[in-house]
């Protein structure tokens, strides 16, 4: 599986209701999208304790065909037209754990790590905190940058004081996981 994410930074005084309305009116359009395991419509909101405002959707693709369709067949053009040219971060999934309650996820915590240069990678272990009441966990690595990110999903807002705790406004899922 491949993962993709673009992070659109928005001004501190940006009206986040614009993004919320955009997702409410259009989020369903990726429900059941070809090869998509899920798309989490994620926002960071300065008013909620994040360092800034942002729109940073996270996609997990079962196959590259659907990802290529999204990027090159007009769907990503909506992002370009609204927010300008965006860099898409691409990664490889190392771990995907989705519970039966995953479709009810409303928050996601992002933790980032470096993979230090080492003599061998055999038996390498991806680190990351374990949390109770999670609805899912995804670890995505990028060997081009030797970094990885752990995304932990929650139904209820966890008692975690972390600026990388984001709100999920909509989850588009494949047919096997049901819809929001």
Protein backbone atom coordinates (compact mmCIF):
# COMPACT_ATOMS: atom_id res chain seq x y z
CA UNK A 1 0.00 0.00 0.00
CA UNK A 2 1.05 3.54 -0.70
CA UNK A 3 0.21 6.63 1.31
CA UNK A 4 -0.04 10.19 0.15
CA UNK A 5 -0.55 13.47 1.93
CA UNK A 6 -0.32 17.13 1.08
CA UNK A 7 -0.23 19.74 3.81
CA UNK A 8 -1.72 23.08 2.91
CA UNK A 9 -0.70 25.78 5.39
CA UNK A 10 -3.31 28.48 5.83
CA UNK A 11 -2.93 31.97 7.37
CA UNK A 12 -3.43 32.33 11.13
CA UNK A 13 -6.54 34.44 10.56
CA UNK A 14 -8.00 32.08 7.91
CA UNK A 15 -11.67 31.26 8.43
CA UNK A 16 -11.52 27.48 8.91
CA UNK A 17 -15.26 27.31 8.23
CA UNK A 18 -14.34 27.62 4.55
CA UNK A 19 -12.46 24.30 4.74
CA UNK A 20 -15.15 22.72 6.92
CA UNK A 21 -17.85 23.68 4.39
CA UNK A 22 -15.69 22.44 1.51
CA UNK A 23 -15.33 19.04 3.16
CA UNK A 24 -19.00 18.85 4.15
CA UNK A 25 -20.07 19.63 0.57
CA UNK A 26 -17.47 17.53 -1.25
CA UNK A 27 -16.00 14.88 1.08
CA UNK A 28 -18.41 12.21 -0.09
CA UNK A 29 -16.97 12.44 -3.62
CA UNK A 30 -14.04 10.19 -2.66
CA UNK A 31 -16.22 7.62 -0.85
CA UNK A 32 -15.50 4.31 -2.60
CA UNK A 33 -12.87 5.89 -4.92
CA UNK A 34 -10.95 3.31 -6.97
CA UNK A 35 -8.18 1.57 -4.95
CA UNK A 36 -8.67 3.90 -1.97
CA UNK A 37 -8.54 2.18 1.41
CA UNK A 38 -9.31 5.50 3.08
CA UNK A 39 -8.97 9.24 2.84
CA UNK A 40 -9.00 11.15 6.12
CA UNK A 41 -10.00 14.79 5.67
CA UNK A 42 -7.74 16.25 8.36
CA UNK A 43 -7.49 19.83 9.57
CA UNK A 44 -5.26 21.63 12.01
CA UNK A 45 -6.94 24.56 13.68
CA UNK A 46 -5.04 27.18 15.62
CA UNK A 47 -8.12 27.69 17.81
CA UNK A 48 -7.88 24.01 18.86
CA UNK A 49 -4.27 24.22 20.03
CA UNK A 50 -2.41 23.51 16.80
CA UNK A 51 0.50 25.79 15.90
CA UNK A 52 -1.31 26.91 12.78
CA UNK A 53 -4.26 26.40 10.46
CA UNK A 54 -4.03 23.76 7.78
CA UNK A 55 -5.76 21.27 5.56
CA UNK A 56 -3.78 18.03 5.34
CA UNK A 57 -5.72 15.06 3.98
CA UNK A 58 -4.17 11.60 4.31
CA UNK A 59 -4.81 8.87 1.73
CA UNK A 60 -4.02 5.16 1.83
CA UNK A 61 -4.10 3.47 -1.56
CA UNK A 62 -4.37 -0.28 -2.10
CA UNK A 63 -2.92 0.08 -5.62
CA UNK A 64 -1.16 2.85 -7.52
CA UNK A 65 -3.75 2.86 -10.31
CA UNK A 66 -6.30 4.73 -8.19
CA UNK A 67 -3.65 7.13 -6.87
CA UNK A 68 -2.51 7.91 -10.42
CA UNK A 69 -6.14 8.44 -11.46
CA UNK A 70 -6.64 10.89 -8.59
CA UNK A 71 -3.48 12.87 -9.37
CA UNK A 72 -3.54 12.88 -13.18
CA UNK A 73 -7.19 12.61 -14.23
CA UNK A 74 -8.48 15.93 -12.91
CA UNK A 75 -9.30 15.25 -9.26
CA UNK A 76 -6.13 16.83 -7.86
CA UNK A 77 -6.74 19.80 -10.17
CA UNK A 78 -9.39 20.92 -7.66
CA UNK A 79 -6.63 21.34 -5.07
CA UNK A 80 -4.38 23.18 -7.54
CA UNK A 81 -7.22 25.51 -8.56
CA UNK A 82 -8.14 26.28 -4.94
CA UNK A 83 -4.75 26.34 -3.19
CA UNK A 84 -2.09 26.44 -5.90
CA UNK A 85 0.63 23.94 -6.67
CA UNK A 86 1.12 21.52 -3.76
CA UNK A 87 3.88 19.07 -3.00
CA UNK A 88 2.45 15.58 -2.46
CA UNK A 89 4.33 13.51 0.10
CA UNK A 90 4.35 9.83 -0.89
CA UNK A 91 5.23 6.99 1.47
CA UNK A 92 5.07 3.25 1.88
CA UNK A 93 2.98 1.66 4.59
CA UNK A 94 4.87 -0.41 7.15
CA UNK A 95 1.85 -1.03 9.38
CA UNK A 96 -1.89 -0.68 8.87
CA UNK A 97 -4.13 -1.56 11.81
CA UNK A 98 -7.79 -0.55 11.52
CA UNK A 99 -10.31 -1.64 14.13
CA UNK A 100 -13.99 -2.30 13.50
CA UNK A 101 -14.63 1.23 14.85
CA UNK A 102 -12.22 2.90 12.40
CA UNK A 103 -15.07 4.52 10.45
CA UNK A 104 -15.94 6.47 13.61
CA UNK A 105 -12.47 8.07 13.91
CA UNK A 106 -12.65 11.83 14.53
CA UNK A 107 -9.08 12.60 15.64
CA UNK A 108 -5.62 11.59 14.50
CA UNK A 109 -2.26 12.07 16.17
CA UNK A 110 0.79 12.40 13.90
CA UNK A 111 4.21 11.54 15.33
CA UNK A 112 7.32 11.91 13.16
CA UNK A 113 10.62 10.04 13.48
CA UNK A 114 13.98 9.79 11.74
CA UNK A 115 15.62 6.54 10.73
CA UNK A 116 19.26 6.95 11.67
CA UNK A 117 22.01 5.67 9.43
CA UNK A 118 22.96 2.18 10.56
CA UNK A 119 25.03 -0.81 9.55
CA UNK A 120 21.95 -2.91 8.76
CA UNK A 121 18.18 -2.58 8.69
CA UNK A 122 17.39 -6.23 9.37
CA UNK A 123 15.20 -6.37 12.48
CA UNK A 124 14.55 -2.61 12.40
CA UNK A 125 11.62 -1.74 14.62
CA UNK A 126 9.37 1.23 13.99
CA UNK A 127 8.87 3.06 17.28
CA UNK A 128 5.84 4.99 18.38
CA UNK A 129 3.75 5.29 21.47
CA UNK A 130 0.83 2.95 22.04
CA UNK A 131 -2.47 4.50 23.04
CA UNK A 132 -5.61 3.09 24.59
CA UNK A 133 -8.94 3.52 22.82
CA UNK A 134 -7.36 3.89 19.38
CA UNK A 135 -9.43 3.06 16.32
CA UNK A 136 -6.43 2.57 14.08
CA UNK A 137 -2.73 3.02 13.58
CA UNK A 138 -0.79 3.52 10.36
CA UNK A 139 2.98 3.77 10.02
CA UNK A 140 4.27 5.29 6.80
CA UNK A 141 7.95 5.46 5.86
CA UNK A 142 9.91 7.21 3.17
CA UNK A 143 13.37 5.74 2.43
CA UNK A 144 14.19 8.74 0.22
CA UNK A 145 14.20 10.92 3.34
CA UNK A 146 14.79 8.13 5.92
CA UNK A 147 11.83 9.29 7.96
CA UNK A 148 8.56 7.79 9.08
CA UNK A 149 5.31 8.94 10.59
CA UNK A 150 2.97 7.11 12.95
CA UNK A 151 -0.69 8.12 12.65
CA UNK A 152 -2.92 6.98 15.52
CA UNK A 153 -6.68 7.38 15.09
CA UNK A 154 -9.28 7.95 17.82
CA UNK A 155 -13.06 8.17 18.03
CA UNK A 156 -13.00 10.54 21.01
CA UNK A 157 -10.52 13.32 21.57
CA UNK A 158 -7.70 11.79 23.62
CA UNK A 159 -6.24 13.57 26.65
CA UNK A 160 -3.00 14.22 24.82
CA UNK A 161 -1.31 17.60 24.89
CA UNK A 162 0.23 17.56 21.43
CA UNK A 163 0.16 20.18 18.69
CA UNK A 164 0.02 17.38 16.10
CA UNK A 165 -3.41 16.15 17.21
CA UNK A 166 -5.71 16.90 14.32
CA UNK A 167 -9.45 16.73 13.72
CA UNK A 168 -10.91 14.43 11.07
CA UNK A 169 -13.94 16.00 9.41
CA UNK A 170 -14.78 13.11 7.08
CA UNK A 171 -13.49 9.64 6.27
CA UNK A 172 -13.90 8.28 2.78
CA UNK A 173 -13.62 4.50 2.93
CA UNK A 174 -13.58 1.53 0.62
CA UNK A 175 -16.74 -0.56 0.47
CA UNK A 176 -15.32 -3.08 2.97
CA UNK A 177 -15.18 -0.56 5.81
CA UNK A 178 -18.56 1.15 5.39
CA UNK A 179 -19.11 4.87 5.23
CA UNK A 180 -19.28 7.61 7.83
